[in-house]
Amino acid sequence: MSREAVEDLLDRWLNEPAFRAELRANPEGTVRLSGAALNEEEWAAFRSINWDLSDEELELMLRESEIPGF
């Protein structure tokens, strides 16, 4: 996956409330439907995200994470 694709997912999460809600309800399905192709490392990092955190906690976690592109 390119850095641009990861940045697009992050941008959508930050700026599109409907996309954010879809991620919370079905994280893997939403990413797959977005057309983003994550590699194994990116999927592992994505699967480690606790989607039950508040938006503020998730944003802080994503900005401080080692998820490639975030």
N, C-alpha and C. Protein backbone atom coordinates (compact mmCIF):
# COMPACT_ATOMS: atom_id res chain seq x y z
N MET A 1 0.85 -1.18 0.00
CA MET A 1 0.00 0.00 0.00
C MET A 1 0.88 1.22 0.00
N SER A 2 0.48 2.21 -0.71
CA SER A 2 1.25 3.43 -0.75
C SER A 2 0.92 4.30 0.45
N ARG A 3 1.86 5.13 0.79
CA ARG A 3 1.65 6.07 1.89
C ARG A 3 0.41 6.93 1.61
N GLU A 4 0.21 7.28 0.35
CA GLU A 4 -0.95 8.10 -0.03
C GLU A 4 -2.25 7.41 0.32
N ALA A 5 -2.32 6.12 0.10
CA ALA A 5 -3.55 5.38 0.40
C ALA A 5 -3.83 5.35 1.90
N VAL A 6 -2.78 5.16 2.71
CA VAL A 6 -2.95 5.18 4.16
C VAL A 6 -3.37 6.57 4.61
N GLU A 7 -2.74 7.58 4.05
CA GLU A 7 -3.09 8.95 4.41
C GLU A 7 -4.53 9.25 4.02
N ASP A 8 -4.99 8.70 2.90
CA ASP A 8 -6.38 8.89 2.48
C ASP A 8 -7.34 8.28 3.50
N LEU A 9 -7.04 7.08 3.99
CA LEU A 9 -7.88 6.46 5.01
C LEU A 9 -7.94 7.32 6.27
N LEU A 10 -6.78 7.83 6.69
CA LEU A 10 -6.73 8.67 7.88
C LEU A 10 -7.51 9.96 7.64
N ASP A 11 -7.33 10.56 6.48
CA ASP A 11 -8.05 11.80 6.16
C ASP A 11 -9.55 11.57 6.17
N ARG A 12 -9.98 10.47 5.59
CA ARG A 12 -11.41 10.16 5.59
C ARG A 12 -11.92 9.95 7.01
N TRP A 13 -11.14 9.24 7.84
CA TRP A 13 -11.56 9.01 9.23
C TRP A 13 -11.69 10.34 9.96
N LEU A 14 -10.75 11.24 9.73
CA LEU A 14 -10.77 12.53 10.42
C LEU A 14 -11.89 13.44 9.95
N ASN A 15 -12.24 13.38 8.66
CA ASN A 15 -13.12 14.38 8.07
C ASN A 15 -14.49 13.90 7.61
N GLU A 16 -14.73 12.60 7.64
CA GLU A 16 -16.02 12.08 7.18
C GLU A 16 -16.70 11.29 8.29
N PRO A 17 -17.64 11.93 8.98
CA PRO A 17 -18.32 11.25 10.09
C PRO A 17 -18.95 9.91 9.69
N ALA A 18 -19.49 9.81 8.50
CA ALA A 18 -20.11 8.55 8.07
C ALA A 18 -19.05 7.46 7.92
N PHE A 19 -17.89 7.80 7.37
CA PHE A 19 -16.81 6.83 7.23
C PHE A 19 -16.31 6.40 8.60
N ARG A 20 -16.21 7.34 9.51
CA ARG A 20 -15.78 7.05 10.88
C ARG A 20 -16.75 6.07 11.54
N ALA A 21 -18.05 6.30 11.36
CA ALA A 21 -19.06 5.41 11.92
C ALA A 21 -18.99 4.02 11.29
N GLU A 22 -18.76 3.96 9.99
CA GLU A 22 -18.63 2.67 9.31
C GLU A 22 -17.42 1.91 9.83
N LEU A 23 -16.31 2.60 10.05
CA LEU A 23 -15.12 1.95 10.60
C LEU A 23 -15.39 1.36 11.97
N ARG A 24 -16.12 2.10 12.78
CA ARG A 24 -16.43 1.59 14.12
C ARG A 24 -17.31 0.34 14.04
N ALA A 25 -18.25 0.32 13.11
CA ALA A 25 -19.19 -0.79 12.99
C ALA A 25 -18.56 -2.01 12.32
N ASN A 26 -17.70 -1.79 11.33
CA ASN A 26 -17.12 -2.89 10.56
C ASN A 26 -15.76 -2.45 10.02
N PRO A 27 -14.74 -2.42 10.87
CA PRO A 27 -13.45 -1.88 10.45
C PRO A 27 -12.86 -2.55 9.21
N GLU A 28 -12.74 -3.87 9.21
CA GLU A 28 -12.11 -4.56 8.08
C GLU A 28 -12.93 -4.41 6.81
N GLY A 29 -14.22 -4.60 6.92
CA GLY A 29 -15.08 -4.48 5.75
C GLY A 29 -15.04 -3.09 5.15
N THR A 30 -15.02 -2.08 5.99
CA THR A 30 -14.99 -0.70 5.51
C THR A 30 -13.70 -0.41 4.77
N VAL A 31 -12.58 -0.87 5.30
CA VAL A 31 -11.31 -0.64 4.60
C VAL A 31 -11.31 -1.39 3.28
N ARG A 32 -11.79 -2.63 3.29
CA ARG A 32 -11.82 -3.40 2.04
C ARG A 32 -12.71 -2.73 1.00
N LEU A 33 -13.87 -2.23 1.42
CA LEU A 33 -14.79 -1.56 0.49
C LEU A 33 -14.23 -0.23 0.00
N SER A 34 -13.32 0.37 0.76
CA SER A 34 -12.72 1.64 0.35
C SER A 34 -11.77 1.47 -0.83
N GLY A 35 -11.36 0.21 -1.06
CA GLY A 35 -10.43 -0.05 -2.15
C GLY A 35 -8.97 -0.01 -1.73
N ALA A 36 -8.71 0.32 -0.47
CA ALA A 36 -7.34 0.37 0.03
C ALA A 36 -6.80 -1.05 0.15
N ALA A 37 -5.59 -1.26 -0.33
CA ALA A 37 -4.95 -2.57 -0.27
C ALA A 37 -3.81 -2.52 0.74
N LEU A 38 -4.07 -3.00 1.94
CA LEU A 38 -3.05 -2.97 2.99
C LEU A 38 -2.16 -4.21 2.88
N ASN A 39 -0.88 -4.02 3.23
CA ASN A 39 0.01 -5.17 3.29
C ASN A 39 -0.15 -5.83 4.66
N GLU A 40 0.54 -6.92 4.90
CA GLU A 40 0.37 -7.67 6.16
C GLU A 40 0.68 -6.82 7.38
N GLU A 41 1.74 -6.04 7.32
CA GLU A 41 2.12 -5.18 8.44
C GLU A 41 1.04 -4.15 8.73
N GLU A 42 0.51 -3.56 7.69
CA GLU A 42 -0.54 -2.54 7.86
C GLU A 42 -1.82 -3.16 8.40
N TRP A 43 -2.19 -4.37 7.91
CA TRP A 43 -3.37 -5.04 8.45
C TRP A 43 -3.18 -5.37 9.92
N ALA A 44 -1.99 -5.82 10.29
CA ALA A 44 -1.73 -6.15 11.70
C ALA A 44 -1.88 -4.90 12.56
N ALA A 45 -1.33 -3.79 12.10
CA ALA A 45 -1.45 -2.55 12.85
C ALA A 45 -2.91 -2.10 12.91
N PHE A 46 -3.62 -2.20 11.79
CA PHE A 46 -5.02 -1.81 11.74
C PHE A 46 -5.87 -2.64 12.69
N ARG A 47 -5.61 -3.95 12.70
CA ARG A 47 -6.38 -4.84 13.57
C ARG A 47 -6.10 -4.60 15.05
N SER A 48 -4.99 -3.97 15.36
CA SER A 48 -4.64 -3.70 16.76
C SER A 48 -5.35 -2.46 17.31
N ILE A 49 -6.03 -1.73 16.46
CA ILE A 49 -6.70 -0.50 16.88
C ILE A 49 -7.95 -0.85 17.70
N ASN A 50 -8.10 -0.19 18.83
CA ASN A 50 -9.28 -0.38 19.67
C ASN A 50 -10.33 0.65 19.24
N TRP A 51 -11.28 0.21 18.41
CA TRP A 51 -12.29 1.11 17.86
C TRP A 51 -13.33 1.53 18.89
N ASP A 52 -13.24 1.02 20.12
CA ASP A 52 -14.15 1.44 21.19
C ASP A 52 -13.70 2.73 21.87
N LEU A 53 -12.46 3.18 21.57
CA LEU A 53 -11.97 4.43 22.14
C LEU A 53 -12.76 5.60 21.59
N SER A 54 -12.73 6.73 22.29
CA SER A 54 -13.39 7.93 21.79
C SER A 54 -12.64 8.44 20.56
N ASP A 55 -13.29 9.30 19.80
CA ASP A 55 -12.64 9.88 18.63
C ASP A 55 -11.34 10.58 19.01
N GLU A 56 -11.37 11.30 20.11
CA GLU A 56 -10.18 12.04 20.56
C GLU A 56 -9.05 11.08 20.92
N GLU A 57 -9.40 9.99 21.61
CA GLU A 57 -8.39 8.99 21.98
C GLU A 57 -7.83 8.29 20.75
N LEU A 58 -8.70 7.96 19.81
CA LEU A 58 -8.24 7.32 18.59
C LEU A 58 -7.34 8.24 17.78
N GLU A 59 -7.72 9.49 17.65
CA GLU A 59 -6.90 10.44 16.90
C GLU A 59 -5.52 10.57 17.52
N LEU A 60 -5.45 10.70 18.82
CA LEU A 60 -4.17 10.80 19.51
C LEU A 60 -3.36 9.53 19.31
N MET A 61 -4.00 8.38 19.47
CA MET A 61 -3.32 7.12 19.30
C MET A 61 -2.78 6.96 17.88
N LEU A 62 -3.59 7.30 16.89
CA LEU A 62 -3.15 7.17 15.50
C LEU A 62 -2.00 8.11 15.18
N ARG A 63 -2.05 9.31 15.70
CA ARG A 63 -0.98 10.27 15.43
C ARG A 63 0.33 9.87 16.10
N GLU A 64 0.24 9.17 17.21
CA GLU A 64 1.44 8.76 17.96
C GLU A 64 1.88 7.33 17.61
N SER A 65 1.13 6.66 16.77
CA SER A 65 1.38 5.24 16.51
C SER A 65 2.52 5.03 15.53
N GLU A 66 2.85 3.77 15.40
CA GLU A 66 3.85 3.36 14.43
C GLU A 66 3.17 2.73 13.21
N ILE A 67 1.91 3.02 13.03
CA ILE A 67 1.21 2.51 11.87
C ILE A 67 1.79 3.23 10.65
N PRO A 68 2.28 2.49 9.66
CA PRO A 68 2.88 3.13 8.49
C PRO A 68 1.95 4.14 7.85
N GLY A 69 2.43 5.35 7.67
CA GLY A 69 1.65 6.38 7.02
C GLY A 69 0.83 7.25 7.94
N PHE A 70 0.65 6.83 9.20
CA PHE A 70 -0.12 7.64 10.14
C PHE A 70 0.79 8.55 10.91
